[in-house]
Structure formats: structure tokens, C-alpha cells
C-alpha atoms as a PDB file:
ATOM      1  CA  MET A   1     -19.789 -20.278  -3.020  1.00  0.00           C
ATOM      2  CA  ALA A   2     -17.448 -19.092  -0.265  1.00  0.00           C
ATOM      3  CA  THR A   3     -16.360 -15.475  -0.218  1.00  0.00           C
ATOM      4  CA  MET A   4     -13.101 -14.113   1.104  1.00  0.00           C
ATOM      5  CA  ASN A   5     -13.120 -11.381   3.708  1.00  0.00           C
ATOM      6  CA  LYS A   6     -10.937  -8.420   2.777  1.00  0.00           C
ATOM      7  CA  PRO A   7      -7.782  -8.324   4.905  1.00  0.00           C
ATOM      8  CA  SER A   8      -7.346  -5.322   7.178  1.00  0.00           C
ATOM      9  CA  VAL A   9      -5.339  -2.342   5.952  1.00  0.00           C
ATOM     10  CA  GLU A  10      -3.089  -2.656   8.998  1.00  0.00           C
ATOM     11  CA  SER A  11      -2.102  -6.161   7.905  1.00  0.00           C
ATOM     12  CA  ILE A  12      -0.294  -4.848   4.810  1.00  0.00           C
ATOM     13  CA  LEU A  13       1.197  -1.588   6.109  1.00  0.00           C
ATOM     14  CA  GLY A  14       4.965  -1.795   6.412  1.00  0.00           C
ATOM     15  CA  ARG A  15       5.240  -4.623   3.894  1.00  0.00           C
ATOM     16  CA  SER A  16       6.649  -4.593   0.390  1.00  0.00           C
ATOM     17  CA  PRO A  17       4.074  -5.038  -2.410  1.00  0.00           C
ATOM     18  CA  GLU A  18       6.067  -8.083  -3.527  1.00  0.00           C
ATOM     19  CA  GLU A  19       5.470  -9.723  -0.120  1.00  0.00           C
ATOM     20  CA  LEU A  20       1.678  -9.668  -0.422  1.00  0.00           C
ATOM     21  CA  SER A  21      -0.086 -12.996  -0.865  1.00  0.00           C
ATOM     22  CA  LEU A  22      -2.238 -13.676  -3.910  1.00  0.00           C
ATOM     23  CA  GLU A  23      -5.333 -13.222  -1.752  1.00  0.00           C
ATOM     24  CA  GLU A  24      -4.136  -9.878  -0.361  1.00  0.00           C
ATOM     25  CA  ARG A  25      -3.066  -8.648  -3.795  1.00  0.00           C
ATOM     26  CA  THR A  26      -6.446  -9.633  -5.264  1.00  0.00           C
ATOM     27  CA  ALA A  27      -8.413  -8.070  -2.393  1.00  0.00           C
ATOM     28  CA  PHE A  28      -6.596  -4.720  -2.682  1.00  0.00           C
ATOM     29  CA  ALA A  29      -6.155  -4.618  -6.473  1.00  0.00           C
ATOM     30  CA  GLY A  30      -7.013  -1.155  -7.768  1.00  0.00           C
ATOM     31  CA  SER A  31      -6.376   0.525  -4.405  1.00  0.00           C
ATOM     32  CA  TRP A  32      -3.895   3.388  -4.158  1.00  0.00           C
ATOM     33  CA  ILE A  33      -0.696   2.697  -2.227  1.00  0.00           C
ATOM     34  CA  ALA A  34       1.981   5.066  -0.955  1.00  0.00           C
ATOM     35  CA  LEU A  35       5.611   3.966  -1.234  1.00  0.00           C
ATOM     36  CA  GLU A  36       8.547   6.034  -0.053  1.00  0.00           C
ATOM     37  CA  ILE A  37      10.307   7.710  -2.980  1.00  0.00           C
ATOM     38  CA  TYR A  38      13.363   5.748  -4.095  1.00  0.00           C
ATOM     39  CA  SER A  39      16.639   6.490  -2.358  1.00  0.00           C
ATOM     40  CA  PRO A  40      19.580   4.400  -1.159  1.00  0.00           C
ATOM     41  CA  LYS A  41      17.903   4.333   2.289  1.00  0.00           C
ATOM     42  CA  THR A  42      14.704   2.746   0.906  1.00  0.00           C
ATOM     43  CA  THR A  43      16.356  -0.097  -0.995  1.00  0.00           C
ATOM     44  CA  PRO A  44      16.181  -2.994  -1.420  1.00  0.00           C
ATOM     45  CA  LEU A  45      12.571  -3.031  -0.213  1.00  0.00           C
ATOM     46  CA  ARG A  46      10.177  -0.142  -0.254  1.00  0.00           C
ATOM     47  CA  ARG A  47       7.269  -0.619   2.078  1.00  0.00           C
ATOM     48  CA  ILE A  48       3.595   0.258   1.799  1.00  0.00           C
ATOM     49  CA  GLU A  49       3.026   3.129   4.214  1.00  0.00           C
ATOM     50  CA  ALA A  50      -0.587   3.928   3.278  1.00  0.00           C
ATOM     51  CA  ILE A  51      -3.402   2.431   1.237  1.00  0.00           C
ATOM     52  CA  GLY A  52      -6.816   3.732   0.236  1.00  0.00           C
ATOM     53  CA  ASP A  53      -9.511   3.788  -2.412  1.00  0.00           C
ATOM     54  CA  SER A  54      -8.317   7.231  -3.540  1.00  0.00           C
ATOM     55  CA  MET A  55      -5.160   9.320  -3.510  1.00  0.00           C
ATOM     56  CA  GLU A  56      -6.797  11.586  -0.943  1.00  0.00           C
ATOM     57  CA  GLU A  57      -7.346   8.640   1.419  1.00  0.00           C
ATOM     58  CA  CYS A  58      -3.686   7.633   1.064  1.00  0.00           C
ATOM     59  CA  ILE A  59      -2.497  11.141   1.829  1.00  0.00           C
ATOM     60  CA  ALA A  60      -4.832  11.408   4.821  1.00  0.00           C
ATOM     61  CA  LEU A  61      -3.517   8.097   6.211  1.00  0.00           C
ATOM     62  CA  LEU A  62       0.085   9.239   5.748  1.00  0.00           C
ATOM     63  CA  ARG A  63      -0.682  12.430   7.685  1.00  0.00           C
ATOM     64  CA  ARG A  64      -2.475  10.511  10.458  1.00  0.00           C
ATOM     65  CA  ARG A  65       0.644   8.372  10.784  1.00  0.00           C
ATOM     66  CA  GLY A  66       2.816  11.511  11.058  1.00  0.00           C
ATOM     67  CA  LEU A  67       4.474  11.013   7.655  1.00  0.00           C
ATOM     68  CA  GLU A  68       5.191  13.753   5.093  1.00  0.00           C
ATOM     69  CA  PRO A  69       3.163  12.990   1.912  1.00  0.00           C
ATOM     70  CA  THR A  70       5.670  14.751  -0.379  1.00  0.00           C
ATOM     71  CA  LYS A  71       8.215  11.994   0.380  1.00  0.00           C
ATOM     72  CA  PHE A  72       5.980   9.296  -1.100  1.00  0.00           C
ATOM     73  CA  GLU A  73       4.863   8.213  -4.535  1.00  0.00           C
ATOM     74  CA  LEU A  74       1.309   7.044  -5.041  1.00  0.00           C
ATOM     75  CA  SER A  75       0.369   4.292  -7.446  1.00  0.00           C
ATOM     76  CA  ARG A  76      -2.376   1.757  -7.953  1.00  0.00           C
ATOM     77  CA  LEU A  77      -1.802  -1.768  -6.702  1.00  0.00           C
ATOM     78  CA  LYS A  78      -2.039  -4.124  -9.669  1.00  0.00           C
ATOM     79  CA  PRO A  79      -3.723  -7.514  -9.544  1.00  0.00           C
ATOM     80  CA  PRO A  80      -1.387 -10.496  -9.085  1.00  0.00           C
ATOM     81  CA  TYR A  81      -1.825 -11.670 -12.689  1.00  0.00           C
END
């Protein structure tokens, strides 16, 4: 049986969760994502700015990218169905 390689984290950064393919959504299901807190500037699409297996990994990635973690909400990425 063929197995799918997990897409790279960089391939989903900057994209809206709704834009992810079924394969990407399945591969990253259960991972933590950081989305900018809702404001008129972040609509209509909020983009994934960090992803990790834990909240700590998400926060660390935000900091490495020079972003302020307090301006983001963290949530788990749900499977596509």
C-alpha cells in the first residue's frame, strides 16, 4: 500500500485553513496552528502563521518568524471530515 509523505510546514504557512487540500488537512490533523486574532484587518481570510505538534512549538515558530505570539490564537487543526 502506498503511503503519503507529509507536506512541509512551509507549504502551508501563509494559507487559510480552508485552502488546504484534503491530503494536507489529513496529514496535519491534530497539529496546533496559530491564526492572527480576528480584526477587520485579518478578514476575510486569516492565515496560518505557525504550526506544530504542541502549543509551545507554535509559539517558538512565531517568535522565530519575528511575530508577537499574543496577537495569535492557537487551535488544533481538525481533520477534513
